[in-house]
């Protein structure tokens, strides 16, 4: 899996649950909520004031190691 700005958070978590820590670090603690799982990674980053490019890079690097 390769994460992009349009990737849904739920899809990322379904692919690899260990990615939850990246969302917790940015203050997104509502990962079980249906609305958060339906957000794109870009939408979540906008709401939480996090750089989408940095988060995507970190998650993709993590997934590449798996």
PDB file of N, CA and C in Angstrom:
ATOM      1  N   UNK A   1       0.845  -1.187   0.000  1.00  0.00           N
ATOM      2  CA  UNK A   1       0.000   0.000   0.000  1.00  0.00           C
ATOM      3  C   UNK A   1       0.881   1.238   0.000  1.00  0.00           C
ATOM      4  N   UNK A   2       0.483   2.225  -0.786  1.00  0.00           N
ATOM      5  CA  UNK A   2       1.140   3.522  -0.786  1.00  0.00           C
ATOM      6  C   UNK A   2       0.090   4.564  -0.417  1.00  0.00           C
ATOM      7  N   UNK A   3       0.375   5.331   0.615  1.00  0.00           N
ATOM      8  CA  UNK A   3      -0.550   6.335   1.115  1.00  0.00           C
ATOM      9  C   UNK A   3      -0.365   7.634   0.329  1.00  0.00           C
ATOM     10  N   UNK A   4      -1.502   8.240  -0.049  1.00  0.00           N
ATOM     11  CA  UNK A   4      -1.516   9.549  -0.705  1.00  0.00           C
ATOM     12  C   UNK A   4      -2.422  10.474   0.094  1.00  0.00           C
ATOM     13  N   UNK A   5      -2.520  11.716  -0.322  1.00  0.00           N
ATOM     14  CA  UNK A   5      -3.389  12.684   0.358  1.00  0.00           C
ATOM     15  C   UNK A   5      -4.850  12.240   0.341  1.00  0.00           C
ATOM     16  N   UNK A   6      -5.219  11.447  -0.645  1.00  0.00           N
ATOM     17  CA  UNK A   6      -6.609  11.025  -0.798  1.00  0.00           C
ATOM     18  C   UNK A   6      -6.929   9.688  -0.137  1.00  0.00           C
ATOM     19  N   UNK A   7      -5.939   9.064   0.488  1.00  0.00           N
ATOM     20  CA  UNK A   7      -6.163   7.774   1.130  1.00  0.00           C
ATOM     21  C   UNK A   7      -7.011   7.966   2.385  1.00  0.00           C
ATOM     22  N   UNK A   8      -8.013   7.116   2.543  1.00  0.00           N
ATOM     23  CA  UNK A   8      -8.872   7.193   3.725  1.00  0.00           C
ATOM     24  C   UNK A   8      -8.151   6.621   4.939  1.00  0.00           C
ATOM     25  N   UNK A   9      -8.357   7.264   6.070  1.00  0.00           N
ATOM     26  CA  UNK A   9      -7.724   6.810   7.302  1.00  0.00           C
ATOM     27  C   UNK A   9      -8.149   5.382   7.623  1.00  0.00           C
ATOM     28  N   UNK A  10      -9.404   5.068   7.423  1.00  0.00           N
ATOM     29  CA  UNK A  10      -9.877   3.705   7.674  1.00  0.00           C
ATOM     30  C   UNK A  10      -9.153   2.670   6.833  1.00  0.00           C
ATOM     31  N   UNK A  11      -8.846   3.011   5.588  1.00  0.00           N
ATOM     32  CA  UNK A  11      -8.120   2.085   4.712  1.00  0.00           C
ATOM     33  C   UNK A  11      -6.695   1.858   5.211  1.00  0.00           C
ATOM     34  N   UNK A  12      -6.069   2.925   5.694  1.00  0.00           N
ATOM     35  CA  UNK A  12      -4.709   2.800   6.230  1.00  0.00           C
ATOM     36  C   UNK A  12      -4.718   1.892   7.452  1.00  0.00           C
ATOM     37  N   UNK A  13      -5.650   2.134   8.357  1.00  0.00           N
ATOM     38  CA  UNK A  13      -5.732   1.340   9.585  1.00  0.00           C
ATOM     39  C   UNK A  13      -6.094  -0.111   9.301  1.00  0.00           C
ATOM     40  N   UNK A  14      -6.963  -0.340   8.336  1.00  0.00           N
ATOM     41  CA  UNK A  14      -7.322  -1.715   7.976  1.00  0.00           C
ATOM     42  C   UNK A  14      -6.131  -2.458   7.393  1.00  0.00           C
ATOM     43  N   UNK A  15      -5.289  -1.743   6.664  1.00  0.00           N
ATOM     44  CA  UNK A  15      -4.111  -2.363   6.052  1.00  0.00           C
ATOM     45  C   UNK A  15      -3.047  -2.676   7.103  1.00  0.00           C
ATOM     46  N   UNK A  16      -2.853  -1.739   8.049  1.00  0.00           N
ATOM     47  CA  UNK A  16      -1.822  -1.927   9.070  1.00  0.00           C
ATOM     48  C   UNK A  16      -2.218  -1.156  10.325  1.00  0.00           C
ATOM     49  N   UNK A  17      -2.708  -1.870  11.320  1.00  0.00           N
ATOM     50  CA  UNK A  17      -3.178  -1.230  12.547  1.00  0.00           C
ATOM     51  C   UNK A  17      -2.073  -0.528  13.320  1.00  0.00           C
ATOM     52  N   UNK A  18      -0.821  -0.902  13.078  1.00  0.00           N
ATOM     53  CA  UNK A  18       0.269  -0.251  13.805  1.00  0.00           C
ATOM     54  C   UNK A  18       0.449   1.203  13.385  1.00  0.00           C
ATOM     55  N   UNK A  19      -0.188   1.616  12.301  1.00  0.00           N
ATOM     56  CA  UNK A  19      -0.114   3.018  11.881  1.00  0.00           C
ATOM     57  C   UNK A  19      -0.928   3.930  12.797  1.00  0.00           C
ATOM     58  N   UNK A  20      -1.738   3.357  13.652  1.00  0.00           N
ATOM     59  CA  UNK A  20      -2.550   4.164  14.576  1.00  0.00           C
ATOM     60  C   UNK A  20      -1.685   5.105  15.404  1.00  0.00           C
ATOM     61  N   UNK A  21      -0.483   4.683  15.744  1.00  0.00           N
ATOM     62  CA  UNK A  21       0.390   5.523  16.572  1.00  0.00           C
ATOM     63  C   UNK A  21       0.702   6.857  15.892  1.00  0.00           C
ATOM     64  N   UNK A  22       0.795   6.873  14.573  1.00  0.00           N
ATOM     65  CA  UNK A  22       1.070   8.123  13.864  1.00  0.00           C
ATOM     66  C   UNK A  22      -0.095   9.106  14.018  1.00  0.00           C
ATOM     67  N   UNK A  23      -1.307   8.577  14.031  1.00  0.00           N
ATOM     68  CA  UNK A  23      -2.487   9.432  14.197  1.00  0.00           C
ATOM     69  C   UNK A  23      -2.631   9.888  15.643  1.00  0.00           C
ATOM     70  N   UNK A  24      -2.329   8.994  16.593  1.00  0.00           N
ATOM     71  CA  UNK A  24      -2.368   9.381  18.004  1.00  0.00           C
ATOM     72  C   UNK A  24      -1.376  10.507  18.279  1.00  0.00           C
ATOM     73  N   UNK A  25      -0.179  10.425  17.677  1.00  0.00           N
ATOM     74  CA  UNK A  25       0.858  11.446  17.881  1.00  0.00           C
ATOM     75  C   UNK A  25       0.394  12.825  17.427  1.00  0.00           C
ATOM     76  N   UNK A  26      -0.449  12.889  16.415  1.00  0.00           N
ATOM     77  CA  UNK A  26      -0.909  14.186  15.919  1.00  0.00           C
ATOM     78  C   UNK A  26      -2.166  14.668  16.647  1.00  0.00           C
ATOM     79  N   UNK A  27      -2.596  13.925  17.667  1.00  0.00           N
ATOM     80  CA  UNK A  27      -3.744  14.333  18.464  1.00  0.00           C
ATOM     81  C   UNK A  27      -5.068  13.775  17.990  1.00  0.00           C
ATOM     82  N   UNK A  28      -5.017  12.846  17.064  1.00  0.00           N
ATOM     83  CA  UNK A  28      -6.242  12.246  16.540  1.00  0.00           C
ATOM     84  C   UNK A  28      -6.516  10.959  17.324  1.00  0.00           C
ATOM     85  N   UNK A  29      -7.328  11.081  18.368  1.00  0.00           N
ATOM     86  CA  UNK A  29      -7.579   9.958  19.259  1.00  0.00           C
ATOM     87  C   UNK A  29      -8.922   9.280  19.003  1.00  0.00           C
ATOM     88  N   UNK A  30      -9.628   9.701  17.989  1.00  0.00           N
ATOM     89  CA  UNK A  30     -10.968   9.178  17.718  1.00  0.00           C
ATOM     90  C   UNK A  30     -10.964   8.203  16.537  1.00  0.00           C
ATOM     91  N   UNK A  31      -9.980   7.339  16.468  1.00  0.00           N
ATOM     92  CA  UNK A  31      -9.823   6.473  15.297  1.00  0.00           C
ATOM     93  C   UNK A  31     -10.941   5.449  15.134  1.00  0.00           C
ATOM     94  N   UNK A  32     -11.654   5.152  16.187  1.00  0.00           N
ATOM     95  CA  UNK A  32     -12.757   4.204  16.092  1.00  0.00           C
ATOM     96  C   UNK A  32     -14.047   4.840  15.600  1.00  0.00           C
ATOM     97  N   UNK A  33     -14.070   6.145  15.538  1.00  0.00           N
ATOM     98  CA  UNK A  33     -15.263   6.873  15.114  1.00  0.00           C
ATOM     99  C   UNK A  33     -15.454   6.714  13.609  1.00  0.00           C
ATOM    100  N   UNK A  34     -16.659   6.358  13.168  1.00  0.00           N
ATOM    101  CA  UNK A  34     -16.892   6.172  11.726  1.00  0.00           C
ATOM    102  C   UNK A  34     -16.549   7.398  10.887  1.00  0.00           C
ATOM    103  N   UNK A  35     -16.785   8.593  11.425  1.00  0.00           N
ATOM    104  CA  UNK A  35     -16.497   9.783  10.618  1.00  0.00           C
ATOM    105  C   UNK A  35     -14.998   9.982  10.427  1.00  0.00           C
ATOM    106  N   UNK A  36     -14.188   9.674  11.434  1.00  0.00           N
ATOM    107  CA  UNK A  36     -12.744   9.845  11.265  1.00  0.00           C
ATOM    108  C   UNK A  36     -12.180   8.802  10.303  1.00  0.00           C
ATOM    109  N   UNK A  37     -12.734   7.610  10.324  1.00  0.00           N
ATOM    110  CA  UNK A  37     -12.263   6.559   9.417  1.00  0.00           C
ATOM    111  C   UNK A  37     -12.592   6.888   7.963  1.00  0.00           C
ATOM    112  N   UNK A  38     -13.590   7.735   7.749  1.00  0.00           N
ATOM    113  CA  UNK A  38     -13.979   8.117   6.400  1.00  0.00           C
ATOM    114  C   UNK A  38     -13.288   9.357   5.877  1.00  0.00           C
ATOM    115  N   UNK A  39     -12.454   9.977   6.725  1.00  0.00           N
ATOM    116  CA  UNK A  39     -11.711  11.162   6.295  1.00  0.00           C
ATOM    117  C   UNK A  39     -10.475  10.757   5.502  1.00  0.00           C
ATOM    118  N   UNK A  40     -10.086  11.615   4.588  1.00  0.00           N
ATOM    119  CA  UNK A  40      -8.797  11.401   3.929  1.00  0.00           C
ATOM    120  C   UNK A  40      -7.704  11.851   4.888  1.00  0.00           C
ATOM    121  N   UNK A  41      -6.514  11.395   4.621  1.00  0.00           N
ATOM    122  CA  UNK A  41      -5.391  11.803   5.468  1.00  0.00           C
ATOM    123  C   UNK A  41      -5.182  13.319   5.364  1.00  0.00           C
ATOM    124  N   UNK A  42      -5.443  13.889   4.206  1.00  0.00           N
ATOM    125  CA  UNK A  42      -5.306  15.339   4.027  1.00  0.00           C
ATOM    126  C   UNK A  42      -6.320  16.089   4.899  1.00  0.00           C
ATOM    127  N   UNK A  43      -7.559  15.626   4.935  1.00  0.00           N
ATOM    128  CA  UNK A  43      -8.589  16.275   5.753  1.00  0.00           C
ATOM    129  C   UNK A  43      -8.219  16.230   7.231  1.00  0.00           C
ATOM    130  N   UNK A  44      -7.749  15.089   7.686  1.00  0.00           N
ATOM    131  CA  UNK A  44      -7.378  14.944   9.095  1.00  0.00           C
ATOM    132  C   UNK A  44      -6.220  15.861   9.452  1.00  0.00           C
ATOM    133  N   UNK A  45      -5.254  15.964   8.567  1.00  0.00           N
ATOM    134  CA  UNK A  45      -4.103  16.832   8.827  1.00  0.00           C
ATOM    135  C   UNK A  45      -4.516  18.296   8.887  1.00  0.00           C
ATOM    136  N   UNK A  46      -5.435  18.701   8.035  1.00  0.00           N
ATOM    137  CA  UNK A  46      -5.920  20.086   8.053  1.00  0.00           C
ATOM    138  C   UNK A  46      -6.567  20.413   9.387  1.00  0.00           C
ATOM    139  N   UNK A  47      -7.395  19.508   9.881  1.00  0.00           N
ATOM    140  CA  UNK A  47      -8.115  19.729  11.132  1.00  0.00           C
ATOM    141  C   UNK A  47      -7.158  19.775  12.321  1.00  0.00           C
ATOM    142  N   UNK A  48      -6.110  18.959  12.279  1.00  0.00           N
ATOM    143  CA  UNK A  48      -5.195  18.848  13.413  1.00  0.00           C
ATOM    144  C   UNK A  48      -3.923  19.672  13.255  1.00  0.00           C
ATOM    145  N   UNK A  49      -3.830  20.461  12.184  1.00  0.00           N
ATOM    146  CA  UNK A  49      -2.697  21.356  12.009  1.00  0.00           C
ATOM    147  C   UNK A  49      -1.366  20.643  11.802  1.00  0.00           C
ATOM    148  N   UNK A  50      -1.404  19.541  11.066  1.00  0.00           N
ATOM    149  CA  UNK A  50      -0.210  18.737  10.817  1.00  0.00           C
ATOM    150  C   UNK A  50       0.109  18.769   9.324  1.00  0.00           C
ATOM    151  N   UNK A  51       1.389  18.739   8.989  1.00  0.00           N
ATOM    152  CA  UNK A  51       1.797  18.704   7.583  1.00  0.00           C
ATOM    153  C   UNK A  51       1.437  17.356   6.973  1.00  0.00           C
ATOM    154  N   UNK A  52       0.590  17.373   5.974  1.00  0.00           N
ATOM    155  CA  UNK A  52       0.176  16.130   5.323  1.00  0.00           C
ATOM    156  C   UNK A  52       1.358  15.455   4.642  1.00  0.00           C
ATOM    157  N   UNK A  53       2.243  16.243   4.067  1.00  0.00           N
ATOM    158  CA  UNK A  53       3.391  15.659   3.362  1.00  0.00           C
ATOM    159  C   UNK A  53       4.326  14.919   4.314  1.00  0.00           C
ATOM    160  N   UNK A  54       4.557  15.498   5.479  1.00  0.00           N
ATOM    161  CA  UNK A  54       5.425  14.851   6.471  1.00  0.00           C
ATOM    162  C   UNK A  54       4.784  13.563   6.971  1.00  0.00           C
ATOM    163  N   UNK A  55       3.488  13.611   7.274  1.00  0.00           N
ATOM    164  CA  UNK A  55       2.808  12.416   7.778  1.00  0.00           C
ATOM    165  C   UNK A  55       2.778  11.312   6.735  1.00  0.00           C
ATOM    166  N   UNK A  56       2.498  11.660   5.500  1.00  0.00           N
ATOM    167  CA  UNK A  56       2.487  10.663   4.427  1.00  0.00           C
ATOM    168  C   UNK A  56       3.860  10.017   4.285  1.00  0.00           C
ATOM    169  N   UNK A  57       4.892  10.833   4.340  1.00  0.00           N
ATOM    170  CA  UNK A  57       6.253  10.309   4.226  1.00  0.00           C
ATOM    171  C   UNK A  57       6.561   9.330   5.365  1.00  0.00           C
ATOM    172  N   UNK A  58       6.176   9.700   6.573  1.00  0.00           N
ATOM    173  CA  UNK A  58       6.431   8.833   7.735  1.00  0.00           C
ATOM    174  C   UNK A  58       5.663   7.516   7.638  1.00  0.00           C
ATOM    175  N   UNK A  59       4.391   7.596   7.256  1.00  0.00           N
ATOM    176  CA  UNK A  59       3.580   6.378   7.169  1.00  0.00           C
ATOM    177  C   UNK A  59       4.074   5.486   6.040  1.00  0.00           C
ATOM    178  N   UNK A  60       4.380   6.060   4.893  1.00  0.00           N
ATOM    179  CA  UNK A  60       4.879   5.253   3.780  1.00  0.00           C
ATOM    180  C   UNK A  60       6.205   4.590   4.114  1.00  0.00           C
ATOM    181  N   UNK A  61       7.076   5.290   4.826  1.00  0.00           N
ATOM    182  CA  UNK A  61       8.356   4.695   5.246  1.00  0.00           C
ATOM    183  C   UNK A  61       8.094   3.527   6.194  1.00  0.00           C
ATOM    184  N   UNK A  62       7.155   3.698   7.093  1.00  0.00           N
ATOM    185  CA  UNK A  62       6.786   2.630   8.029  1.00  0.00           C
ATOM    186  C   UNK A  62       6.233   1.416   7.279  1.00  0.00           C
ATOM    187  N   UNK A  63       5.347   1.667   6.335  1.00  0.00           N
ATOM    188  CA  UNK A  63       4.740   0.565   5.577  1.00  0.00           C
ATOM    189  C   UNK A  63       5.768  -0.153   4.702  1.00  0.00           C
ATOM    190  N   UNK A  64       6.749   0.567   4.224  1.00  0.00           N
ATOM    191  CA  UNK A  64       7.777  -0.051   3.374  1.00  0.00           C
ATOM    192  C   UNK A  64       8.640  -1.030   4.168  1.00  0.00           C
ATOM    193  N   UNK A  65       8.738  -0.811   5.475  1.00  0.00           N
ATOM    194  CA  UNK A  65       9.524  -1.701   6.329  1.00  0.00           C
ATOM    195  C   UNK A  65       8.775  -2.992   6.656  1.00  0.00           C
ATOM    196  N   UNK A  66       7.458  -2.954   6.532  1.00  0.00           N
ATOM    197  CA  UNK A  66       6.620  -4.104   6.917  1.00  0.00           C
ATOM    198  C   UNK A  66       6.691  -5.220   5.904  1.00  0.00           C
TER     199      UNK A  66
END
